[in-house]
PDB file of N, CA and C in Angstrom:
ATOM      1  N   UNK A   1      84.666 100.313  86.946  1.00  0.00           N
ATOM      2  CA  UNK A   1      86.121 100.234  86.989  1.00  0.00           C
ATOM      3  C   UNK A   1      86.724 101.517  87.556  1.00  0.00           C
ATOM      4  N   UNK A   2      86.110 102.641  87.242  1.00  0.00           N
ATOM      5  CA  UNK A   2      86.617 103.916  87.709  1.00  0.00           C
ATOM      6  C   UNK A   2      86.610 103.997  89.239  1.00  0.00           C
ATOM      7  N   UNK A   3      85.547 103.542  89.873  1.00  0.00           N
ATOM      8  CA  UNK A   3      85.458 103.580  91.328  1.00  0.00           C
ATOM      9  C   UNK A   3      86.553 102.750  91.972  1.00  0.00           C
ATOM     10  N   UNK A   4      86.838 101.608  91.376  1.00  0.00           N
ATOM     11  CA  UNK A   4      87.881 100.750  91.931  1.00  0.00           C
ATOM     12  C   UNK A   4      89.227 101.476  91.887  1.00  0.00           C
ATOM     13  N   UNK A   5      89.501 102.177  90.802  1.00  0.00           N
ATOM     14  CA  UNK A   5      90.750 102.922  90.706  1.00  0.00           C
ATOM     15  C   UNK A   5      90.816 104.018  91.754  1.00  0.00           C
ATOM     16  N   UNK A   6      89.701 104.695  91.970  1.00  0.00           N
ATOM     17  CA  UNK A   6      89.656 105.742  92.985  1.00  0.00           C
ATOM     18  C   UNK A   6      89.894 105.126  94.362  1.00  0.00           C
ATOM     19  N   UNK A   7      89.210 104.035  94.648  1.00  0.00           N
ATOM     20  CA  UNK A   7      89.370 103.378  95.936  1.00  0.00           C
ATOM     21  C   UNK A   7      90.780 102.866  96.156  1.00  0.00           C
ATOM     22  N   UNK A   8      91.364 102.286  95.142  1.00  0.00           N
ATOM     23  CA  UNK A   8      92.736 101.788  95.251  1.00  0.00           C
ATOM     24  C   UNK A   8      93.714 102.935  95.482  1.00  0.00           C
ATOM     25  N   UNK A   9      93.494 104.015  94.777  1.00  0.00           N
ATOM     26  CA  UNK A   9      94.370 105.183  94.930  1.00  0.00           C
ATOM     27  C   UNK A   9      94.256 105.751  96.339  1.00  0.00           C
ATOM     28  N   UNK A  10      93.040 105.870  96.833  1.00  0.00           N
ATOM     29  CA  UNK A  10      92.845 106.416  98.182  1.00  0.00           C
ATOM     30  C   UNK A  10      93.420 105.473  99.232  1.00  0.00           C
ATOM     31  N   UNK A  11      93.299 104.194  99.002  1.00  0.00           N
ATOM     32  CA  UNK A  11      93.905 103.234  99.915  1.00  0.00           C
ATOM     33  C   UNK A  11      95.424 103.363  99.907  1.00  0.00           C
ATOM     34  N   UNK A  12      95.987 103.589  98.742  1.00  0.00           N
ATOM     35  CA  UNK A  12      97.431 103.787  98.638  1.00  0.00           C
ATOM     36  C   UNK A  12      97.850 105.048  99.398  1.00  0.00           C
ATOM     37  N   UNK A  13      97.055 106.087  99.297  1.00  0.00           N
ATOM     38  CA  UNK A  13      97.343 107.330 100.024  1.00  0.00           C
ATOM     39  C   UNK A  13      97.336 107.072 101.529  1.00  0.00           C
ATOM     40  N   UNK A  14      96.336 106.339 102.008  1.00  0.00           N
ATOM     41  CA  UNK A  14      96.247 106.017 103.435  1.00  0.00           C
ATOM     42  C   UNK A  14      97.460 105.203 103.865  1.00  0.00           C
ATOM     43  N   UNK A  15      97.853 104.230 103.063  1.00  0.00           N
ATOM     44  CA  UNK A  15      99.031 103.410 103.391  1.00  0.00           C
ATOM     45  C   UNK A  15     100.289 104.264 103.473  1.00  0.00           C
ATOM     46  N   UNK A  16     100.468 105.155 102.511  1.00  0.00           N
ATOM     47  CA  UNK A  16     101.639 106.034 102.534  1.00  0.00           C
ATOM     48  C   UNK A  16     101.611 106.942 103.757  1.00  0.00           C
ATOM     49  N   UNK A  17     100.440 107.412 104.102  1.00  0.00           N
ATOM     50  CA  UNK A  17     100.306 108.283 105.263  1.00  0.00           C
ATOM     51  C   UNK A  17     100.614 107.524 106.553  1.00  0.00           C
ATOM     52  N   UNK A  18     100.210 106.283 106.641  1.00  0.00           N
ATOM     53  CA  UNK A  18     100.519 105.490 107.829  1.00  0.00           C
ATOM     54  C   UNK A  18     102.020 105.259 107.955  1.00  0.00           C
ATOM     55  N   UNK A  19     102.705 105.102 106.833  1.00  0.00           N
ATOM     56  CA  UNK A  19     104.159 104.894 106.852  1.00  0.00           C
ATOM     57  C   UNK A  19     104.913 106.172 107.183  1.00  0.00           C
ATOM     58  N   UNK A  20     104.503 107.280 106.566  1.00  0.00           N
ATOM     59  CA  UNK A  20     105.277 108.512 106.640  1.00  0.00           C
ATOM     60  C   UNK A  20     104.763 109.515 107.666  1.00  0.00           C
ATOM     61  N   UNK A  21     103.564 109.322 108.166  1.00  0.00           N
ATOM     62  CA  UNK A  21     102.922 110.189 109.161  1.00  0.00           C
ATOM     63  C   UNK A  21     102.497 111.548 108.620  1.00  0.00           C
ATOM     64  N   UNK A  22     103.188 112.079 107.643  1.00  0.00           N
ATOM     65  CA  UNK A  22     102.723 113.290 106.960  1.00  0.00           C
ATOM     66  C   UNK A  22     103.171 113.216 105.504  1.00  0.00           C
ATOM     67  N   UNK A  23     102.384 113.830 104.646  1.00  0.00           N
ATOM     68  CA  UNK A  23     102.663 113.759 103.219  1.00  0.00           C
ATOM     69  C   UNK A  23     102.375 115.107 102.588  1.00  0.00           C
ATOM     70  N   UNK A  24     103.041 115.386 101.465  1.00  0.00           N
ATOM     71  CA  UNK A  24     102.743 116.621 100.753  1.00  0.00           C
ATOM     72  C   UNK A  24     102.144 116.288  99.386  1.00  0.00           C
ATOM     73  N   UNK A  25     101.408 117.240  98.860  1.00  0.00           N
ATOM     74  CA  UNK A  25     100.669 117.029  97.617  1.00  0.00           C
ATOM     75  C   UNK A  25     101.607 116.709  96.457  1.00  0.00           C
ATOM     76  N   UNK A  26     102.696 117.428  96.339  1.00  0.00           N
ATOM     77  CA  UNK A  26     103.614 117.209  95.212  1.00  0.00           C
ATOM     78  C   UNK A  26     104.208 115.808  95.216  1.00  0.00           C
ATOM     79  N   UNK A  27     104.743 115.395  96.348  1.00  0.00           N
ATOM     80  CA  UNK A  27     105.342 114.069  96.449  1.00  0.00           C
ATOM     81  C   UNK A  27     104.314 112.967  96.265  1.00  0.00           C
ATOM     82  N   UNK A  28     103.139 113.194  96.814  1.00  0.00           N
ATOM     83  CA  UNK A  28     102.070 112.210  96.694  1.00  0.00           C
ATOM     84  C   UNK A  28     101.594 112.086  95.257  1.00  0.00           C
ATOM     85  N   UNK A  29     101.533 113.204  94.556  1.00  0.00           N
ATOM     86  CA  UNK A  29     101.133 113.209  93.154  1.00  0.00           C
ATOM     87  C   UNK A  29     102.083 112.346  92.330  1.00  0.00           C
ATOM     88  N   UNK A  30     103.376 112.487  92.586  1.00  0.00           N
ATOM     89  CA  UNK A  30     104.370 111.686  91.866  1.00  0.00           C
ATOM     90  C   UNK A  30     104.304 110.218  92.268  1.00  0.00           C
ATOM     91  N   UNK A  31     104.145 109.953  93.558  1.00  0.00           N
ATOM     92  CA  UNK A  31     104.125 108.570  94.051  1.00  0.00           C
ATOM     93  C   UNK A  31     102.914 107.790  93.527  1.00  0.00           C
ATOM     94  N   UNK A  32     101.779 108.460  93.425  1.00  0.00           N
ATOM     95  CA  UNK A  32     100.548 107.787  93.023  1.00  0.00           C
ATOM     96  C   UNK A  32     100.330 107.872  91.514  1.00  0.00           C
ATOM     97  N   UNK A  33     100.936 108.872  90.868  1.00  0.00           N
ATOM     98  CA  UNK A  33     100.828 108.994  89.414  1.00  0.00           C
ATOM     99  C   UNK A  33      99.580 109.691  88.919  1.00  0.00           C
ATOM    100  N   UNK A  34      99.097 110.654  89.704  1.00  0.00           N
ATOM    101  CA  UNK A  34      97.941 111.455  89.281  1.00  0.00           C
ATOM    102  C   UNK A  34      98.264 112.929  89.504  1.00  0.00           C
ATOM    103  N   UNK A  35      97.388 113.796  89.015  1.00  0.00           N
ATOM    104  CA  UNK A  35      97.626 115.229  89.138  1.00  0.00           C
ATOM    105  C   UNK A  35      97.489 115.703  90.581  1.00  0.00           C
ATOM    106  N   UNK A  36      98.040 116.866  90.843  1.00  0.00           N
ATOM    107  CA  UNK A  36      97.925 117.471  92.175  1.00  0.00           C
ATOM    108  C   UNK A  36      96.467 117.771  92.507  1.00  0.00           C
ATOM    109  N   UNK A  37      95.700 118.165  91.505  1.00  0.00           N
ATOM    110  CA  UNK A  37      94.277 118.457  91.729  1.00  0.00           C
ATOM    111  C   UNK A  37      93.547 117.199  92.208  1.00  0.00           C
ATOM    112  N   UNK A  38      93.874 116.072  91.589  1.00  0.00           N
ATOM    113  CA  UNK A  38      93.251 114.809  91.992  1.00  0.00           C
ATOM    114  C   UNK A  38      93.641 114.454  93.416  1.00  0.00           C
ATOM    115  N   UNK A  39      94.904 114.644  93.756  1.00  0.00           N
ATOM    116  CA  UNK A  39      95.377 114.373  95.116  1.00  0.00           C
ATOM    117  C   UNK A  39      94.649 115.267  96.109  1.00  0.00           C
ATOM    118  N   UNK A  40      94.490 116.526  95.781  1.00  0.00           N
ATOM    119  CA  UNK A  40      93.785 117.441  96.695  1.00  0.00           C
ATOM    120  C   UNK A  40      92.348 116.980  96.937  1.00  0.00           C
ATOM    121  N   UNK A  41      91.687 116.527  95.880  1.00  0.00           N
ATOM    122  CA  UNK A  41      90.317 116.020  96.036  1.00  0.00           C
ATOM    123  C   UNK A  41      90.302 114.774  96.917  1.00  0.00           C
ATOM    124  N   UNK A  42      91.277 113.895  96.707  1.00  0.00           N
ATOM    125  CA  UNK A  42      91.365 112.685  97.532  1.00  0.00           C
ATOM    126  C   UNK A  42      91.623 113.039  98.995  1.00  0.00           C
ATOM    127  N   UNK A  43      92.517 113.977  99.233  1.00  0.00           N
ATOM    128  CA  UNK A  43      92.821 114.384 100.608  1.00  0.00           C
ATOM    129  C   UNK A  43      91.598 115.011 101.267  1.00  0.00           C
ATOM    130  N   UNK A  44      90.857 115.810 100.513  1.00  0.00           N
ATOM    131  CA  UNK A  44      89.619 116.397 101.049  1.00  0.00           C
ATOM    132  C   UNK A  44      88.633 115.304 101.441  1.00  0.00           C
ATOM    133  N   UNK A  45      88.484 114.318 100.573  1.00  0.00           N
ATOM    134  CA  UNK A  45      87.583 113.194 100.841  1.00  0.00           C
ATOM    135  C   UNK A  45      88.026 112.445 102.104  1.00  0.00           C
ATOM    136  N   UNK A  46      89.311 112.139 102.183  1.00  0.00           N
ATOM    137  CA  UNK A  46      89.831 111.395 103.327  1.00  0.00           C
ATOM    138  C   UNK A  46      89.729 112.200 104.617  1.00  0.00           C
ATOM    139  N   UNK A  47      89.823 113.511 104.513  1.00  0.00           N
ATOM    140  CA  UNK A  47      89.639 114.350 105.700  1.00  0.00           C
ATOM    141  C   UNK A  47      88.184 114.285 106.169  1.00  0.00           C
ATOM    142  N   UNK A  48      87.248 114.331 105.235  1.00  0.00           N
ATOM    143  CA  UNK A  48      85.828 114.223 105.596  1.00  0.00           C
ATOM    144  C   UNK A  48      85.524 112.874 106.250  1.00  0.00           C
ATOM    145  N   UNK A  49      86.252 111.826 105.847  1.00  0.00           N
ATOM    146  CA  UNK A  49      86.072 110.492 106.425  1.00  0.00           C
ATOM    147  C   UNK A  49      86.760 110.360 107.786  1.00  0.00           C
ATOM    148  N   UNK A  50      87.524 111.366 108.194  1.00  0.00           N
ATOM    149  CA  UNK A  50      88.182 111.330 109.496  1.00  0.00           C
ATOM    150  C   UNK A  50      89.506 110.603 109.533  1.00  0.00           C
ATOM    151  N   UNK A  51      90.092 110.348 108.358  1.00  0.00           N
ATOM    152  CA  UNK A  51      91.354 109.611 108.290  1.00  0.00           C
ATOM    153  C   UNK A  51      92.537 110.534 108.531  1.00  0.00           C
ATOM    154  N   UNK A  52      92.467 111.749 108.025  1.00  0.00           N
ATOM    155  CA  UNK A  52      93.607 112.655 108.083  1.00  0.00           C
ATOM    156  C   UNK A  52      93.145 114.077 108.326  1.00  0.00           C
ATOM    157  N   UNK A  53      94.112 114.925 108.623  1.00  0.00           N
ATOM    158  CA  UNK A  53      93.887 116.369 108.716  1.00  0.00           C
ATOM    159  C   UNK A  53      94.699 117.035 107.623  1.00  0.00           C
ATOM    160  N   UNK A  54      94.054 117.915 106.878  1.00  0.00           N
ATOM    161  CA  UNK A  54      94.768 118.644 105.831  1.00  0.00           C
ATOM    162  C   UNK A  54      95.695 119.671 106.472  1.00  0.00           C
ATOM    163  N   UNK A  55      96.830 119.851 105.846  1.00  0.00           N
ATOM    164  CA  UNK A  55      97.771 120.890 106.239  1.00  0.00           C
ATOM    165  C   UNK A  55      98.045 121.730 105.003  1.00  0.00           C
ATOM    166  N   UNK A  56      98.746 122.802 105.171  1.00  0.00           N
ATOM    167  CA  UNK A  56      99.104 123.612 104.008  1.00  0.00           C
ATOM    168  C   UNK A  56     100.047 122.788 103.135  1.00  0.00           C
ATOM    169  N   UNK A  57      99.563 122.399 101.968  1.00  0.00           N
ATOM    170  CA  UNK A  57     100.378 121.646 101.029  1.00  0.00           C
ATOM    171  C   UNK A  57     100.414 120.143 101.243  1.00  0.00           C
ATOM    172  N   UNK A  58      99.608 119.619 102.175  1.00  0.00           N
ATOM    173  CA  UNK A  58      99.653 118.177 102.400  1.00  0.00           C
ATOM    174  C   UNK A  58      98.636 117.710 103.422  1.00  0.00           C
ATOM    175  N   UNK A  59      99.035 116.696 104.198  1.00  0.00           N
ATOM    176  CA  UNK A  59      98.143 116.124 105.200  1.00  0.00           C
ATOM    177  C   UNK A  59      98.951 115.356 106.235  1.00  0.00           C
ATOM    178  N   UNK A  60      98.352 115.173 107.411  1.00  0.00           N
ATOM    179  CA  UNK A  60      98.926 114.365 108.485  1.00  0.00           C
ATOM    180  C   UNK A  60      97.842 113.428 109.007  1.00  0.00           C
ATOM    181  N   UNK A  61      98.263 112.343 109.633  1.00  0.00           N
ATOM    182  CA  UNK A  61      97.305 111.455 110.281  1.00  0.00           C
ATOM    183  C   UNK A  61      96.558 112.222 111.351  1.00  0.00           C
ATOM    184  N   UNK A  62      95.324 111.879 111.591  1.00  0.00           N
ATOM    185  CA  UNK A  62      94.571 112.502 112.672  1.00  0.00           C
ATOM    186  C   UNK A  62      95.290 112.251 113.988  1.00  0.00           C
ATOM    187  N   UNK A  63      95.246 113.246 114.863  1.00  0.00           N
ATOM    188  CA  UNK A  63      95.923 113.086 116.148  1.00  0.00           C
ATOM    189  C   UNK A  63      95.342 111.923 116.934  1.00  0.00           C
ATOM    190  N   UNK A  64      94.046 111.758 116.864  1.00  0.00           N
ATOM    191  CA  UNK A  64      93.380 110.661 117.552  1.00  0.00           C
ATOM    192  C   UNK A  64      92.468 109.969 116.550  1.00  0.00           C
ATOM    193  N   UNK A  65      93.053 109.248 115.596  1.00  0.00           N
ATOM    194  CA  UNK A  65      92.235 108.713 114.519  1.00  0.00           C
ATOM    195  C   UNK A  65      91.335 107.551 114.889  1.00  0.00           C
ATOM    196  N   UNK A  66      91.571 106.910 116.043  1.00  0.00           N
ATOM    197  CA  UNK A  66      90.800 105.714 116.350  1.00  0.00           C
ATOM    198  C   UNK A  66      91.136 104.663 115.323  1.00  0.00           C
ATOM    199  N   UNK A  67      90.144 104.128 114.677  1.00  0.00           N
ATOM    200  CA  UNK A  67      90.378 103.146 113.631  1.00  0.00           C
ATOM    201  C   UNK A  67      90.274 103.784 112.270  1.00  0.00           C
ATOM    202  N   UNK A  68      91.062 103.304 111.346  1.00  0.00           N
ATOM    203  CA  UNK A  68      90.909 103.699 109.954  1.00  0.00           C
ATOM    204  C   UNK A  68      89.546 103.175 109.511  1.00  0.00           C
ATOM    205  N   UNK A  69      88.764 103.959 108.769  1.00  0.00           N
ATOM    206  CA  UNK A  69      87.446 103.486 108.338  1.00  0.00           C
ATOM    207  C   UNK A  69      87.508 102.124 107.649  1.00  0.00           C
ATOM    208  N   UNK A  70      86.454 101.340 107.861  1.00  0.00           N
ATOM    209  CA  UNK A  70      86.392  99.965 107.380  1.00  0.00           C
ATOM    210  C   UNK A  70      86.679  99.858 105.887  1.00  0.00           C
ATOM    211  N   UNK A  71      86.144 100.765 105.081  1.00  0.00           N
ATOM    212  CA  UNK A  71      86.314 100.652 103.630  1.00  0.00           C
ATOM    213  C   UNK A  71      87.778 100.646 103.223  1.00  0.00           C
ATOM    214  N   UNK A  72      88.630 101.321 103.974  1.00  0.00           N
ATOM    215  CA  UNK A  72      90.055 101.343 103.661  1.00  0.00           C
ATOM    216  C   UNK A  72      90.753 100.105 104.217  1.00  0.00           C
ATOM    217  N   UNK A  73      90.351  99.668 105.408  1.00  0.00           N
ATOM    218  CA  UNK A  73      90.931  98.446 105.968  1.00  0.00           C
ATOM    219  C   UNK A  73      90.571  97.241 105.111  1.00  0.00           C
ATOM    220  N   UNK A  74      89.366  97.226 104.574  1.00  0.00           N
ATOM    221  CA  UNK A  74      88.925  96.097 103.758  1.00  0.00           C
ATOM    222  C   UNK A  74      89.755  95.970 102.484  1.00  0.00           C
ATOM    223  N   UNK A  75      90.186  97.097 101.927  1.00  0.00           N
ATOM    224  CA  UNK A  75      90.975  97.060 100.695  1.00  0.00           C
ATOM    225  C   UNK A  75      92.437  96.705 100.951  1.00  0.00           C
ATOM    226  N   UNK A  76      92.903  96.959 102.167  1.00  0.00           N
ATOM    227  CA  UNK A  76      94.303  96.711 102.501  1.00  0.00           C
ATOM    228  C   UNK A  76      94.561  95.207 102.565  1.00  0.00           C
ATOM    229  N   UNK A  77      95.490  94.712 101.794  1.00  0.00           N
ATOM    230  CA  UNK A  77      95.857  93.284 101.746  1.00  0.00           C
ATOM    231  C   UNK A  77      94.660  92.405 101.384  1.00  0.00           C
ATOM    232  N   UNK A  78      93.803  92.874 100.500  1.00  0.00           N
ATOM    233  CA  UNK A  78      92.562  92.160 100.193  1.00  0.00           C
ATOM    234  C   UNK A  78      92.814  90.767  99.614  1.00  0.00           C
ATOM    235  N   UNK A  79      93.830  90.608  98.777  1.00  0.00           N
ATOM    236  CA  UNK A  79      94.114  89.279  98.218  1.00  0.00           C
ATOM    237  C   UNK A  79      94.538  88.300  99.308  1.00  0.00           C
ATOM    238  N   UNK A  80      95.347  88.762 100.235  1.00  0.00           N
ATOM    239  CA  UNK A  80      95.798  87.910 101.329  1.00  0.00           C
ATOM    240  C   UNK A  80      94.609  87.520 102.213  1.00  0.00           C
ATOM    241  N   UNK A  81      93.706  88.463 102.455  1.00  0.00           N
ATOM    242  CA  UNK A  81      92.531  88.175 103.272  1.00  0.00           C
ATOM    243  C   UNK A  81      91.636  87.148 102.587  1.00  0.00           C
ATOM    244  N   UNK A  82      91.480  87.267 101.273  1.00  0.00           N
ATOM    245  CA  UNK A  82      90.664  86.284 100.542  1.00  0.00           C
ATOM    246  C   UNK A  82      91.294  84.892 100.605  1.00  0.00           C
ATOM    247  N   UNK A  83      92.599  84.827 100.454  1.00  0.00           N
ATOM    248  CA  UNK A  83      93.291  83.532 100.510  1.00  0.00           C
ATOM    249  C   UNK A  83      93.159  82.916 101.899  1.00  0.00           C
ATOM    250  N   UNK A  84      93.342  83.722 102.921  1.00  0.00           N
ATOM    251  CA  UNK A  84      93.207  83.249 104.292  1.00  0.00           C
ATOM    252  C   UNK A  84      91.773  82.785 104.549  1.00  0.00           C
ATOM    253  N   UNK A  85      90.816  83.528 104.055  1.00  0.00           N
ATOM    254  CA  UNK A  85      89.403  83.187 104.262  1.00  0.00           C
ATOM    255  C   UNK A  85      89.037  81.876 103.591  1.00  0.00           C
ATOM    256  N   UNK A  86      89.524  81.661 102.389  1.00  0.00           N
ATOM    257  CA  UNK A  86      89.179  80.423 101.688  1.00  0.00           C
ATOM    258  C   UNK A  86      89.767  79.202 102.392  1.00  0.00           C
ATOM    259  N   UNK A  87      90.897  79.367 103.066  1.00  0.00           N
ATOM    260  CA  UNK A  87      91.480  78.258 103.850  1.00  0.00           C
ATOM    261  C   UNK A  87      90.738  78.090 105.179  1.00  0.00           C
ATOM    262  N   UNK A  88      90.440  79.197 105.843  1.00  0.00           N
ATOM    263  CA  UNK A  88      89.812  79.132 107.162  1.00  0.00           C
ATOM    264  C   UNK A  88      88.414  78.548 107.106  1.00  0.00           C
ATOM    265  N   UNK A  89      87.704  78.766 106.029  1.00  0.00           N
ATOM    266  CA  UNK A  89      86.332  78.274 105.928  1.00  0.00           C
ATOM    267  C   UNK A  89      86.268  76.754 106.013  1.00  0.00           C
ATOM    268  N   UNK A  90      87.330  76.071 105.622  1.00  0.00           N
ATOM    269  CA  UNK A  90      87.367  74.605 105.677  1.00  0.00           C
ATOM    270  C   UNK A  90      87.384  74.068 107.109  1.00  0.00           C
ATOM    271  N   UNK A  91      87.722  74.913 108.078  1.00  0.00           N
ATOM    272  CA  UNK A  91      87.754  74.486 109.475  1.00  0.00           C
ATOM    273  C   UNK A  91      86.386  74.571 110.151  1.00  0.00           C
ATOM    274  N   UNK A  92      85.413  75.142 109.449  1.00  0.00           N
ATOM    275  CA  UNK A  92      84.068  75.262 110.013  1.00  0.00           C
ATOM    276  C   UNK A  92      83.253  74.061 109.561  1.00  0.00           C
ATOM    277  N   UNK A  93      82.811  73.283 110.527  1.00  0.00           N
ATOM    278  CA  UNK A  93      82.032  72.087 110.223  1.00  0.00           C
ATOM    279  C   UNK A  93      80.586  72.456 109.927  1.00  0.00           C
ATOM    280  N   UNK A  94      79.906  71.612 109.162  1.00  0.00           N
ATOM    281  CA  UNK A  94      78.491  71.816 108.882  1.00  0.00           C
ATOM    282  C   UNK A  94      77.703  71.851 110.186  1.00  0.00           C
ATOM    283  N   UNK A  95      76.618  72.602 110.180  1.00  0.00           N
ATOM    284  CA  UNK A  95      75.712  72.759 111.309  1.00  0.00           C
ATOM    285  C   UNK A  95      76.415  73.328 112.539  1.00  0.00           C
ATOM    286  N   UNK A  96      77.378  74.193 112.308  1.00  0.00           N
ATOM    287  CA  UNK A  96      78.093  74.857 113.395  1.00  0.00           C
ATOM    288  C   UNK A  96      77.661  76.313 113.438  1.00  0.00           C
ATOM    289  N   UNK A  97      77.392  76.811 114.644  1.00  0.00           N
ATOM    290  CA  UNK A  97      77.057  78.216 114.810  1.00  0.00           C
ATOM    291  C   UNK A  97      78.365  79.005 114.838  1.00  0.00           C
ATOM    292  N   UNK A  98      78.408  80.079 114.090  1.00  0.00           N
ATOM    293  CA  UNK A  98      79.626  80.873 113.990  1.00  0.00           C
ATOM    294  C   UNK A  98      79.328  82.306 114.424  1.00  0.00           C
ATOM    295  N   UNK A  99      80.105  82.810 115.356  1.00  0.00           N
ATOM    296  CA  UNK A  99      80.032  84.209 115.762  1.00  0.00           C
ATOM    297  C   UNK A  99      81.197  84.921 115.105  1.00  0.00           C
ATOM    298  N   UNK A 100      80.920  86.044 114.487  1.00  0.00           N
ATOM    299  CA  UNK A 100      82.003  86.757 113.814  1.00  0.00           C
ATOM    300  C   UNK A 100      82.058  88.208 114.286  1.00  0.00           C
ATOM    301  N   UNK A 101      83.245  88.758 114.212  1.00  0.00           N
ATOM    302  CA  UNK A 101      83.430  90.170 114.543  1.00  0.00           C
ATOM    303  C   UNK A 101      83.323  90.981 113.259  1.00  0.00           C
ATOM    304  N   UNK A 102      83.483  92.259 113.386  1.00  0.00           N
ATOM    305  CA  UNK A 102      83.378  93.132 112.221  1.00  0.00           C
ATOM    306  C   UNK A 102      84.743  93.495 111.643  1.00  0.00           C
ATOM    307  N   UNK A 103      85.750  92.677 111.891  1.00  0.00           N
ATOM    308  CA  UNK A 103      87.061  92.980 111.320  1.00  0.00           C
ATOM    309  C   UNK A 103      87.027  92.731 109.813  1.00  0.00           C
ATOM    310  N   UNK A 104      87.876  93.412 109.097  1.00  0.00           N
ATOM    311  CA  UNK A 104      87.881  93.271 107.641  1.00  0.00           C
ATOM    312  C   UNK A 104      88.314  91.867 107.218  1.00  0.00           C
ATOM    313  N   UNK A 105      89.154  91.206 107.985  1.00  0.00           N
ATOM    314  CA  UNK A 105      89.569  89.838 107.656  1.00  0.00           C
ATOM    315  C   UNK A 105      88.422  88.861 107.840  1.00  0.00           C
ATOM    316  N   UNK A 106      87.679  89.016 108.917  1.00  0.00           N
ATOM    317  CA  UNK A 106      86.562  88.118 109.187  1.00  0.00           C
ATOM    318  C   UNK A 106      85.424  88.359 108.191  1.00  0.00           C
ATOM    319  N   UNK A 107      85.203  89.594 107.838  1.00  0.00           N
ATOM    320  CA  UNK A 107      84.166  89.887 106.844  1.00  0.00           C
ATOM    321  C   UNK A 107      84.517  89.231 105.513  1.00  0.00           C
ATOM    322  N   UNK A 108      85.790  89.193 105.174  1.00  0.00           N
ATOM    323  CA  UNK A 108      86.208  88.497 103.950  1.00  0.00           C
ATOM    324  C   UNK A 108      85.839  87.019 104.030  1.00  0.00           C
ATOM    325  N   UNK A 109      86.010  86.418 105.200  1.00  0.00           N
ATOM    326  CA  UNK A 109      85.662  85.015 105.366  1.00  0.00           C
ATOM    327  C   UNK A 109      84.154  84.806 105.323  1.00  0.00           C
ATOM    328  N   UNK A 110      83.399  85.735 105.847  1.00  0.00           N
ATOM    329  CA  UNK A 110      81.946  85.566 105.900  1.00  0.00           C
ATOM    330  C   UNK A 110      81.339  85.470 104.506  1.00  0.00           C
ATOM    331  N   UNK A 111      82.015  85.974 103.523  1.00  0.00           N
ATOM    332  CA  UNK A 111      81.525  85.876 102.152  1.00  0.00           C
ATOM    333  C   UNK A 111      81.514  84.432 101.659  1.00  0.00           C
ATOM    334  N   UNK A 112      82.313  83.587 102.262  1.00  0.00           N
ATOM    335  CA  UNK A 112      82.373  82.179 101.889  1.00  0.00           C
ATOM    336  C   UNK A 112      81.336  81.334 102.629  1.00  0.00           C
ATOM    337  N   UNK A 113      80.764  81.848 103.704  1.00  0.00           N
ATOM    338  CA  UNK A 113      79.820  81.060 104.493  1.00  0.00           C
ATOM    339  C   UNK A 113      78.587  80.609 103.715  1.00  0.00           C
ATOM    340  N   UNK A 114      77.978  81.426 102.872  1.00  0.00           N
ATOM    341  CA  UNK A 114      76.803  80.954 102.134  1.00  0.00           C
ATOM    342  C   UNK A 114      77.086  79.761 101.206  1.00  0.00           C
ATOM    343  N   UNK A 115      78.334  79.523 100.889  1.00  0.00           N
ATOM    344  CA  UNK A 115      78.705  78.406 100.028  1.00  0.00           C
ATOM    345  C   UNK A 115      78.506  77.076 100.759  1.00  0.00           C
ATOM    346  N   UNK A 116      78.621  77.111 102.091  1.00  0.00           N
ATOM    347  CA  UNK A 116      78.468  75.893 102.880  1.00  0.00           C
ATOM    348  C   UNK A 116      77.062  75.325 102.706  1.00  0.00           C
ATOM    349  N   UNK A 117      76.929  74.018 102.747  1.00  0.00           N
ATOM    350  CA  UNK A 117      75.640  73.382 102.535  1.00  0.00           C
ATOM    351  C   UNK A 117      74.716  73.493 103.745  1.00  0.00           C
ATOM    352  N   UNK A 118      75.262  73.390 104.935  1.00  0.00           N
ATOM    353  CA  UNK A 118      74.410  73.413 106.134  1.00  0.00           C
ATOM    354  C   UNK A 118      74.929  74.442 107.116  1.00  0.00           C
TER     355      UNK A 118
END
């Protein structure tokens, strides 16, 4: 359960950063509801993952971030992706070959594929 809370919190930080483009530790601490020390650790982690660059007292999006790492994209709108996946799987007929991409939405759907009989 603890890991899920950490992941959810870090995902929330990434979402706030995408909206605001830069964030400070104090405001982020209040917005997320954890200590400044915890926020600093999260920002350090996210910087190592290539999501953001630390600044004095906060962080900014990477100048050339490319894609947000998959683990964060997968958590973003996860309930909506699961709902979409459970509906989309009904359009795949038995004995059909399916090619999938590595998008977080498609990966959510791929979890339903083993349920199919053929």
